[in-house]
Amino acid sequence: MYHEVAQPYGLLWNLRPALRPGGRVAVIDARKVTAQHGTPPDLLRCELAAVGYRQTAFYNLQENTYLAVFMPPSPPDGPVSPSAIKPCSPSRS
């Protein structure tokens, strides 16, 4: 569950070079605010986009959960350094 990740931007940044060419990142989470152990889909999209990932699929699952699939950035997409990542506003949570 993505909402359990303490440093999502750091995880997403460091995950990029570990993925094989053509690899994808899939996230399953609850459609709830983060304080209630979930991640609103708009917040998830914003955070992954801030690191350069692009959503390729989205599926509604049972009991208010979802699966979102993202493609990692390829140069020159996305920020060039971690300091260039622009965090999402709290209003998306």
PDB file of N, CA and C in Angstrom:
ATOM      1  N   MET A   1       0.838  -1.171   0.000  1.00  0.00           N
ATOM      2  CA  MET A   1       0.000   0.000   0.000  1.00  0.00           C
ATOM      3  C   MET A   1       0.888   1.242   0.000  1.00  0.00           C
ATOM      4  N   TYR A   2       0.721   2.033  -1.005  1.00  0.00           N
ATOM      5  CA  TYR A   2       1.550   3.219  -1.218  1.00  0.00           C
ATOM      6  C   TYR A   2       1.498   4.176  -0.027  1.00  0.00           C
ATOM      7  N   HIS A   3       0.345   4.308   0.626  1.00  0.00           N
ATOM      8  CA  HIS A   3       0.212   5.277   1.718  1.00  0.00           C
ATOM      9  C   HIS A   3       1.132   4.980   2.895  1.00  0.00           C
ATOM     10  N   GLU A   4       1.707   3.791   2.967  1.00  0.00           N
ATOM     11  CA  GLU A   4       2.627   3.425   4.051  1.00  0.00           C
ATOM     12  C   GLU A   4       4.068   3.891   3.786  1.00  0.00           C
ATOM     13  N   VAL A   5       4.352   4.355   2.592  1.00  0.00           N
ATOM     14  CA  VAL A   5       5.707   4.781   2.236  1.00  0.00           C
ATOM     15  C   VAL A   5       6.001   6.122   2.905  1.00  0.00           C
ATOM     16  N   ALA A   6       7.051   6.163   3.722  1.00  0.00           N
ATOM     17  CA  ALA A   6       7.388   7.366   4.483  1.00  0.00           C
ATOM     18  C   ALA A   6       7.947   8.482   3.600  1.00  0.00           C
ATOM     19  N   GLN A   7       8.706   8.132   2.579  1.00  0.00           N
ATOM     20  CA  GLN A   7       9.319   9.120   1.692  1.00  0.00           C
ATOM     21  C   GLN A   7       9.020   8.751   0.239  1.00  0.00           C
ATOM     22  N   PRO A   8       7.793   9.023  -0.222  1.00  0.00           N
ATOM     23  CA  PRO A   8       7.411   8.570  -1.556  1.00  0.00           C
ATOM     24  C   PRO A   8       8.278   9.127  -2.682  1.00  0.00           C
ATOM     25  N   TYR A   9       8.682  10.393  -2.597  1.00  0.00           N
ATOM     26  CA  TYR A   9       9.490  10.965  -3.676  1.00  0.00           C
ATOM     27  C   TYR A   9      10.866  10.297  -3.730  1.00  0.00           C
ATOM     28  N   GLY A  10      11.447  10.018  -2.571  1.00  0.00           N
ATOM     29  CA  GLY A  10      12.735   9.326  -2.533  1.00  0.00           C
ATOM     30  C   GLY A  10      12.631   7.920  -3.091  1.00  0.00           C
ATOM     31  N   LEU A  11      11.570   7.201  -2.711  1.00  0.00           N
ATOM     32  CA  LEU A  11      11.365   5.855  -3.242  1.00  0.00           C
ATOM     33  C   LEU A  11      11.219   5.887  -4.759  1.00  0.00           C
ATOM     34  N   LEU A  12      10.357   6.770  -5.249  1.00  0.00           N
ATOM     35  CA  LEU A  12      10.116   6.833  -6.691  1.00  0.00           C
ATOM     36  C   LEU A  12      11.365   7.247  -7.454  1.00  0.00           C
ATOM     37  N   TRP A  13      12.152   8.157  -6.899  1.00  0.00           N
ATOM     38  CA  TRP A  13      13.389   8.605  -7.545  1.00  0.00           C
ATOM     39  C   TRP A  13      14.381   7.445  -7.636  1.00  0.00           C
ATOM     40  N   ASN A  14      14.561   6.740  -6.533  1.00  0.00           N
ATOM     41  CA  ASN A  14      15.545   5.656  -6.495  1.00  0.00           C
ATOM     42  C   ASN A  14      15.084   4.401  -7.224  1.00  0.00           C
ATOM     43  N   LEU A  15      13.798   4.273  -7.454  1.00  0.00           N
ATOM     44  CA  LEU A  15      13.264   3.118  -8.167  1.00  0.00           C
ATOM     45  C   LEU A  15      13.542   3.193  -9.669  1.00  0.00           C
ATOM     46  N   ARG A  16      13.626   4.386 -10.212  1.00  0.00           N
ATOM     47  CA  ARG A  16      13.781   4.576 -11.662  1.00  0.00           C
ATOM     48  C   ARG A  16      14.922   3.768 -12.262  1.00  0.00           C
ATOM     49  N   PRO A  17      16.160   3.857 -11.756  1.00  0.00           N
ATOM     50  CA  PRO A  17      17.254   3.115 -12.398  1.00  0.00           C
ATOM     51  C   PRO A  17      17.177   1.599 -12.169  1.00  0.00           C
ATOM     52  N   ALA A  18      16.360   1.159 -11.215  1.00  0.00           N
ATOM     53  CA  ALA A  18      16.257  -0.268 -10.922  1.00  0.00           C
ATOM     54  C   ALA A  18      15.297  -0.990 -11.871  1.00  0.00           C
ATOM     55  N   LEU A  19      14.477  -0.247 -12.574  1.00  0.00           N
ATOM     56  CA  LEU A  19      13.491  -0.864 -13.461  1.00  0.00           C
ATOM     57  C   LEU A  19      14.120  -1.259 -14.796  1.00  0.00           C
ATOM     58  N   ARG A  20      13.737  -2.407 -15.285  1.00  0.00           N
ATOM     59  CA  ARG A  20      14.186  -2.845 -16.606  1.00  0.00           C
ATOM     60  C   ARG A  20      13.539  -1.978 -17.675  1.00  0.00           C
ATOM     61  N   PRO A  21      14.146  -1.893 -18.851  1.00  0.00           N
ATOM     62  CA  PRO A  21      13.484  -1.171 -19.953  1.00  0.00           C
ATOM     63  C   PRO A  21      12.095  -1.768 -20.195  1.00  0.00           C
ATOM     64  N   GLY A  22      11.108  -0.921 -20.302  1.00  0.00           N
ATOM     65  CA  GLY A  22       9.740  -1.372 -20.508  1.00  0.00           C
ATOM     66  C   GLY A  22       9.029  -1.750 -19.220  1.00  0.00           C
ATOM     67  N   GLY A  23       9.735  -1.661 -18.070  1.00  0.00           N
ATOM     68  CA  GLY A  23       9.131  -2.008 -16.783  1.00  0.00           C
ATOM     69  C   GLY A  23       8.062  -1.016 -16.389  1.00  0.00           C
ATOM     70  N   ARG A  24       7.214  -1.410 -15.489  1.00  0.00           N
ATOM     71  CA  ARG A  24       6.129  -0.565 -14.999  1.00  0.00           C
ATOM     72  C   ARG A  24       6.085  -0.615 -13.477  1.00  0.00           C
ATOM     73  N   VAL A  25       5.461   0.379 -12.887  1.00  0.00           N
ATOM     74  CA  VAL A  25       5.229   0.428 -11.453  1.00  0.00           C
ATOM     75  C   VAL A  25       3.723   0.342 -11.248  1.00  0.00           C
ATOM     76  N   ALA A  26       3.286  -0.614 -10.437  1.00  0.00           N
ATOM     77  CA  ALA A  26       1.861  -0.774 -10.146  1.00  0.00           C
ATOM     78  C   ALA A  26       1.620  -0.496  -8.665  1.00  0.00           C
ATOM     79  N   VAL A  27       0.560   0.228  -8.382  1.00  0.00           N
ATOM     80  CA  VAL A  27       0.218   0.596  -7.013  1.00  0.00           C
ATOM     81  C   VAL A  27      -1.219   0.170  -6.747  1.00  0.00           C
ATOM     82  N   ILE A  28      -1.410  -0.560  -5.663  1.00  0.00           N
ATOM     83  CA  ILE A  28      -2.747  -0.892  -5.181  1.00  0.00           C
ATOM     84  C   ILE A  28      -2.930  -0.133  -3.871  1.00  0.00           C
ATOM     85  N   ASP A  29      -4.032   0.594  -3.771  1.00  0.00           N
ATOM     86  CA  ASP A  29      -4.285   1.330  -2.534  1.00  0.00           C
ATOM     87  C   ASP A  29      -5.779   1.541  -2.363  1.00  0.00           C
ATOM     88  N   ALA A  30      -6.142   2.017  -1.177  1.00  0.00           N
ATOM     89  CA  ALA A  30      -7.539   2.314  -0.860  1.00  0.00           C
ATOM     90  C   ALA A  30      -7.857   3.744  -1.270  1.00  0.00           C
ATOM     91  N   ARG A  31      -9.052   3.952  -1.698  1.00  0.00           N
ATOM     92  CA  ARG A  31      -9.513   5.275  -2.116  1.00  0.00           C
ATOM     93  C   ARG A  31      -9.986   6.030  -0.865  1.00  0.00           C
ATOM     94  N   LYS A  32      -9.022   6.406  -0.006  1.00  0.00           N
ATOM     95  CA  LYS A  32      -9.277   7.142   1.233  1.00  0.00           C
ATOM     96  C   LYS A  32      -8.201   8.203   1.389  1.00  0.00           C
ATOM     97  N   VAL A  33      -8.433   9.144   2.282  1.00  0.00           N
ATOM     98  CA  VAL A  33      -7.387  10.118   2.577  1.00  0.00           C
ATOM     99  C   VAL A  33      -6.245   9.403   3.284  1.00  0.00           C
ATOM    100  N   THR A  34      -5.066   9.943   3.184  1.00  0.00           N
ATOM    101  CA  THR A  34      -3.867   9.306   3.730  1.00  0.00           C
ATOM    102  C   THR A  34      -3.998   9.052   5.231  1.00  0.00           C
ATOM    103  N   ALA A  35      -4.591   9.973   5.967  1.00  0.00           N
ATOM    104  CA  ALA A  35      -4.749   9.804   7.415  1.00  0.00           C
ATOM    105  C   ALA A  35      -5.637   8.609   7.764  1.00  0.00           C
ATOM    106  N   GLN A  36      -6.427   8.144   6.791  1.00  0.00           N
ATOM    107  CA  GLN A  36      -7.302   6.988   7.011  1.00  0.00           C
ATOM    108  C   GLN A  36      -6.773   5.758   6.273  1.00  0.00           C
ATOM    109  N   HIS A  37      -5.469   5.698   6.079  1.00  0.00           N
ATOM    110  CA  HIS A  37      -4.789   4.557   5.457  1.00  0.00           C
ATOM    111  C   HIS A  37      -5.205   4.320   4.014  1.00  0.00           C
ATOM    112  N   GLY A  38      -5.096   5.354   3.216  1.00  0.00           N
ATOM    113  CA  GLY A  38      -5.369   5.262   1.793  1.00  0.00           C
ATOM    114  C   GLY A  38      -4.603   6.338   1.052  1.00  0.00           C
ATOM    115  N   THR A  39      -4.780   6.370  -0.254  1.00  0.00           N
ATOM    116  CA  THR A  39      -4.195   7.418  -1.085  1.00  0.00           C
ATOM    117  C   THR A  39      -5.221   7.807  -2.140  1.00  0.00           C
ATOM    118  N   PRO A  40      -5.708   9.036  -2.122  1.00  0.00           N
ATOM    119  CA  PRO A  40      -6.620   9.456  -3.175  1.00  0.00           C
ATOM    120  C   PRO A  40      -5.928   9.322  -4.537  1.00  0.00           C
ATOM    121  N   PRO A  41      -6.621   8.800  -5.551  1.00  0.00           N
ATOM    122  CA  PRO A  41      -5.985   8.623  -6.857  1.00  0.00           C
ATOM    123  C   PRO A  41      -5.339   9.887  -7.416  1.00  0.00           C
ATOM    124  N   ASP A  42      -5.957  11.056  -7.218  1.00  0.00           N
ATOM    125  CA  ASP A  42      -5.364  12.300  -7.725  1.00  0.00           C
ATOM    126  C   ASP A  42      -4.031  12.609  -7.051  1.00  0.00           C
ATOM    127  N   LEU A  43      -3.932  12.326  -5.758  1.00  0.00           N
ATOM    128  CA  LEU A  43      -2.665  12.533  -5.054  1.00  0.00           C
ATOM    129  C   LEU A  43      -1.601  11.573  -5.578  1.00  0.00           C
ATOM    130  N   LEU A  44      -1.968  10.320  -5.778  1.00  0.00           N
ATOM    131  CA  LEU A  44      -1.021   9.342  -6.325  1.00  0.00           C
ATOM    132  C   LEU A  44      -0.511   9.793  -7.688  1.00  0.00           C
ATOM    133  N   ARG A  45      -1.421  10.193  -8.559  1.00  0.00           N
ATOM    134  CA  ARG A  45      -1.023  10.657  -9.903  1.00  0.00           C
ATOM    135  C   ARG A  45      -0.089  11.860  -9.811  1.00  0.00           C
ATOM    136  N   CYS A  46      -0.404  12.794  -8.922  1.00  0.00           N
ATOM    137  CA  CYS A  46       0.411  13.990  -8.758  1.00  0.00           C
ATOM    138  C   CYS A  46       1.816  13.642  -8.283  1.00  0.00           C
ATOM    139  N   GLU A  47       1.917  12.771  -7.279  1.00  0.00           N
ATOM    140  CA  GLU A  47       3.236  12.436  -6.735  1.00  0.00           C
ATOM    141  C   GLU A  47       4.088  11.686  -7.751  1.00  0.00           C
ATOM    142  N   LEU A  48       3.506  10.758  -8.470  1.00  0.00           N
ATOM    143  CA  LEU A  48       4.297  10.041  -9.478  1.00  0.00           C
ATOM    144  C   LEU A  48       4.667  10.965 -10.636  1.00  0.00           C
ATOM    145  N   ALA A  49       3.755  11.835 -11.043  1.00  0.00           N
ATOM    146  CA  ALA A  49       4.057  12.787 -12.116  1.00  0.00           C
ATOM    147  C   ALA A  49       5.165  13.753 -11.710  1.00  0.00           C
ATOM    148  N   ALA A  50       5.232  14.104 -10.422  1.00  0.00           N
ATOM    149  CA  ALA A  50       6.277  15.013  -9.945  1.00  0.00           C
ATOM    150  C   ALA A  50       7.671  14.433 -10.153  1.00  0.00           C
ATOM    151  N   VAL A  51       7.762  13.112 -10.225  1.00  0.00           N
ATOM    152  CA  VAL A  51       9.055  12.452 -10.448  1.00  0.00           C
ATOM    153  C   VAL A  51       9.193  12.024 -11.914  1.00  0.00           C
ATOM    154  N   GLY A  52       8.167  12.277 -12.726  1.00  0.00           N
ATOM    155  CA  GLY A  52       8.251  12.012 -14.153  1.00  0.00           C
ATOM    156  C   GLY A  52       7.540  10.762 -14.635  1.00  0.00           C
ATOM    157  N   TYR A  53       6.876  10.042 -13.742  1.00  0.00           N
ATOM    158  CA  TYR A  53       6.144   8.837 -14.157  1.00  0.00           C
ATOM    159  C   TYR A  53       4.861   9.236 -14.881  1.00  0.00           C
ATOM    160  N   ARG A  54       4.416   8.367 -15.787  1.00  0.00           N
ATOM    161  CA  ARG A  54       3.195   8.615 -16.552  1.00  0.00           C
ATOM    162  C   ARG A  54       2.239   7.448 -16.354  1.00  0.00           C
ATOM    163  N   GLN A  55       0.996   7.755 -16.009  1.00  0.00           N
ATOM    164  CA  GLN A  55       0.006   6.695 -15.790  1.00  0.00           C
ATOM    165  C   GLN A  55      -0.364   6.053 -17.115  1.00  0.00           C
ATOM    166  N   THR A  56      -0.400   4.713 -17.128  1.00  0.00           N
ATOM    167  CA  THR A  56      -0.764   3.977 -18.339  1.00  0.00           C
ATOM    168  C   THR A  56      -2.048   3.179 -18.178  1.00  0.00           C
ATOM    169  N   ALA A  57      -2.480   2.931 -16.932  1.00  0.00           N
ATOM    170  CA  ALA A  57      -3.712   2.180 -16.707  1.00  0.00           C
ATOM    171  C   ALA A  57      -4.244   2.473 -15.310  1.00  0.00           C
ATOM    172  N   PHE A  58      -5.548   2.303 -15.167  1.00  0.00           N
ATOM    173  CA  PHE A  58      -6.203   2.494 -13.866  1.00  0.00           C
ATOM    174  C   PHE A  58      -7.394   1.551 -13.809  1.00  0.00           C
ATOM    175  N   TYR A  59      -7.486   0.790 -12.711  1.00  0.00           N
ATOM    176  CA  TYR A  59      -8.568  -0.176 -12.546  1.00  0.00           C
ATOM    177  C   TYR A  59      -9.207  -0.008 -11.171  1.00  0.00           C
ATOM    178  N   ASN A  60     -10.523   0.030 -11.140  1.00  0.00           N
ATOM    179  CA  ASN A  60     -11.253   0.008  -9.877  1.00  0.00           C
ATOM    180  C   ASN A  60     -11.340  -1.433  -9.416  1.00  0.00           C
ATOM    181  N   LEU A  61     -10.999  -1.675  -8.175  1.00  0.00           N
ATOM    182  CA  LEU A  61     -11.049  -3.008  -7.602  1.00  0.00           C
ATOM    183  C   LEU A  61     -12.181  -3.066  -6.584  1.00  0.00           C
ATOM    184  N   GLN A  62     -12.272  -4.139  -5.861  1.00  0.00           N
ATOM    185  CA  GLN A  62     -13.338  -4.298  -4.873  1.00  0.00           C
ATOM    186  C   GLN A  62     -13.106  -3.433  -3.638  1.00  0.00           C
ATOM    187  N   GLU A  63     -14.174  -3.211  -2.916  1.00  0.00           N
ATOM    188  CA  GLU A  63     -14.139  -2.524  -1.625  1.00  0.00           C
ATOM    189  C   GLU A  63     -13.370  -1.204  -1.616  1.00  0.00           C
ATOM    190  N   ASN A  64     -13.644  -0.360  -2.602  1.00  0.00           N
ATOM    191  CA  ASN A  64     -13.081   0.986  -2.625  1.00  0.00           C
ATOM    192  C   ASN A  64     -11.554   1.009  -2.774  1.00  0.00           C
ATOM    193  N   THR A  65     -11.000   0.039  -3.478  1.00  0.00           N
ATOM    194  CA  THR A  65      -9.565   0.024  -3.763  1.00  0.00           C
ATOM    195  C   THR A  65      -9.350   0.160  -5.268  1.00  0.00           C
ATOM    196  N   TYR A  66      -8.121   0.444  -5.641  1.00  0.00           N
ATOM    197  CA  TYR A  66      -7.791   0.605  -7.052  1.00  0.00           C
ATOM    198  C   TYR A  66      -6.377   0.109  -7.328  1.00  0.00           C
ATOM    199  N   LEU A  67      -6.112  -0.101  -8.599  1.00  0.00           N
ATOM    200  CA  LEU A  67      -4.788  -0.460  -9.105  1.00  0.00           C
ATOM    201  C   LEU A  67      -4.438   0.571 -10.158  1.00  0.00           C
ATOM    202  N   ALA A  68      -3.319   1.243  -9.985  1.00  0.00           N
ATOM    203  CA  ALA A  68      -2.840   2.225 -10.949  1.00  0.00           C
ATOM    204  C   ALA A  68      -1.474   1.772 -11.455  1.00  0.00           C
ATOM    205  N   VAL A  69      -1.263   1.871 -12.763  1.00  0.00           N
ATOM    206  CA  VAL A  69      -0.017   1.422 -13.386  1.00  0.00           C
ATOM    207  C   VAL A  69       0.657   2.635 -14.032  1.00  0.00           C
ATOM    208  N   PHE A  70       1.963   2.732 -13.808  1.00  0.00           N
ATOM    209  CA  PHE A  70       2.736   3.877 -14.301  1.00  0.00           C
ATOM    210  C   PHE A  70       3.977   3.425 -15.052  1.00  0.00           C
ATOM    211  N   MET A  71       4.356   4.218 -16.022  1.00  0.00           N
ATOM    212  CA  MET A  71       5.585   4.021 -16.771  1.00  0.00           C
ATOM    213  C   MET A  71       6.622   4.993 -16.210  1.00  0.00           C
ATOM    214  N   PRO A  72       7.832   4.508 -15.946  1.00  0.00           N
ATOM    215  CA  PRO A  72       8.849   5.415 -15.402  1.00  0.00           C
ATOM    216  C   PRO A  72       9.301   6.422 -16.461  1.00  0.00           C
ATOM    217  N   PRO A  73       9.862   7.522 -16.008  1.00  0.00           N
ATOM    218  CA  PRO A  73      10.351   8.516 -16.964  1.00  0.00           C
ATOM    219  C   PRO A  73      11.578   8.009 -17.700  1.00  0.00           C
ATOM    220  N   SER A  74      11.726   8.506 -18.906  1.00  0.00           N
ATOM    221  CA  SER A  74      12.957   8.232 -19.633  1.00  0.00           C
ATOM    222  C   SER A  74      13.564   9.590 -19.959  1.00  0.00           C
ATOM    223  N   PRO A  75      14.879   9.689 -19.870  1.00  0.00           N
ATOM    224  CA  PRO A  75      15.500  11.000 -20.090  1.00  0.00           C
ATOM    225  C   PRO A  75      15.045  11.583 -21.420  1.00  0.00           C
ATOM    226  N   PRO A  76      14.769  12.853 -21.505  1.00  0.00           N
ATOM    227  CA  PRO A  76      14.901  13.900 -20.493  1.00  0.00           C
ATOM    228  C   PRO A  76      13.617  14.169 -19.721  1.00  0.00           C
ATOM    229  N   ASP A  77      12.691  13.219 -19.673  1.00  0.00           N
ATOM    230  CA  ASP A  77      11.440  13.420 -18.932  1.00  0.00           C
ATOM    231  C   ASP A  77      11.708  13.458 -17.436  1.00  0.00           C
ATOM    232  N   GLY A  78      10.898  14.205 -16.725  1.00  0.00           N
ATOM    233  CA  GLY A  78      11.007  14.248 -15.271  1.00  0.00           C
ATOM    234  C   GLY A  78      12.100  15.173 -14.798  1.00  0.00           C
ATOM    235  N   PRO A  79      12.197  15.342 -13.494  1.00  0.00           N
ATOM    236  CA  PRO A  79      13.212  16.230 -12.916  1.00  0.00           C
ATOM    237  C   PRO A  79      14.606  15.648 -13.120  1.00  0.00           C
ATOM    238  N   VAL A  80      15.597  16.528 -13.217  1.00  0.00           N
ATOM    239  CA  VAL A  80      16.973  16.084 -13.454  1.00  0.00           C
ATOM    240  C   VAL A  80      17.720  15.774 -12.167  1.00  0.00           C
ATOM    241  N   SER A  81      17.170  16.188 -11.033  1.00  0.00           N
ATOM    242  CA  SER A  81      17.776  15.878  -9.736  1.00  0.00           C
ATOM    243  C   SER A  81      16.668  15.837  -8.692  1.00  0.00           C
ATOM    244  N   PRO A  82      16.912  15.154  -7.579  1.00  0.00           N
ATOM    245  CA  PRO A  82      15.871  15.107  -6.540  1.00  0.00           C
ATOM    246  C   PRO A  82      15.457  16.489  -6.050  1.00  0.00           C
ATOM    247  N   SER A  83      16.371  17.428  -6.042  1.00  0.00           N
ATOM    248  CA  SER A  83      16.031  18.772  -5.562  1.00  0.00           C
ATOM    249  C   SER A  83      15.059  19.491  -6.505  1.00  0.00           C
ATOM    250  N   ALA A  84      14.900  19.001  -7.733  1.00  0.00           N
ATOM    251  CA  ALA A  84      13.988  19.622  -8.700  1.00  0.00           C
ATOM    252  C   ALA A  84      12.563  19.081  -8.577  1.00  0.00           C
ATOM    253  N   ILE A  85      12.329  18.088  -7.733  1.00  0.00           N
ATOM    254  CA  ILE A  85      10.983  17.534  -7.562  1.00  0.00           C
ATOM    255  C   ILE A  85      10.120  18.554  -6.845  1.00  0.00           C
ATOM    256  N   LYS A  86       8.955  18.842  -7.408  1.00  0.00           N
ATOM    257  CA  LYS A  86       8.022  19.784  -6.789  1.00  0.00           C
ATOM    258  C   LYS A  86       6.933  18.981  -6.091  1.00  0.00           C
ATOM    259  N   PRO A  87       6.932  18.960  -4.745  1.00  0.00           N
ATOM    260  CA  PRO A  87       5.929  18.181  -4.009  1.00  0.00           C
ATOM    261  C   PRO A  87       4.512  18.629  -4.326  1.00  0.00           C
ATOM    262  N   CYS A  88       3.589  17.706  -4.247  1.00  0.00           N
ATOM    263  CA  CYS A  88       2.177  17.991  -4.467  1.00  0.00           C
ATOM    264  C   CYS A  88       1.605  18.750  -3.276  1.00  0.00           C
ATOM    265  N   SER A  89       0.596  19.539  -3.532  1.00  0.00           N
ATOM    266  CA  SER A  89      -0.021  20.312  -2.450  1.00  0.00           C
ATOM    267  C   SER A  89      -0.861  19.411  -1.563  1.00  0.00           C
ATOM    268  N   PRO A  90      -0.934  19.730  -0.301  1.00  0.00           N
ATOM    269  CA  PRO A  90      -1.735  18.928   0.627  1.00  0.00           C
ATOM    270  C   PRO A  90      -3.217  18.876   0.253  1.00  0.00           C
ATOM    271  N   SER A  91      -3.678  19.807  -0.547  1.00  0.00           N
ATOM    272  CA  SER A  91      -5.099  19.817  -0.921  1.00  0.00           C
ATOM    273  C   SER A  91      -5.474  18.605  -1.760  1.00  0.00           C
ATOM    274  N   ARG A  92      -4.487  17.892  -2.296  1.00  0.00           N
ATOM    275  CA  ARG A  92      -4.789  16.703  -3.089  1.00  0.00           C
ATOM    276  C   ARG A  92      -5.014  15.485  -2.195  1.00  0.00           C
ATOM    277  N   SER A  93      -4.719  15.591  -0.909  1.00  0.00           N
ATOM    278  CA  SER A  93      -4.935  14.462  -0.016  1.00  0.00           C
ATOM    279  C   SER A  93      -6.276  14.588   0.636  1.00  0.00           C
TER     280      SER A  93
END
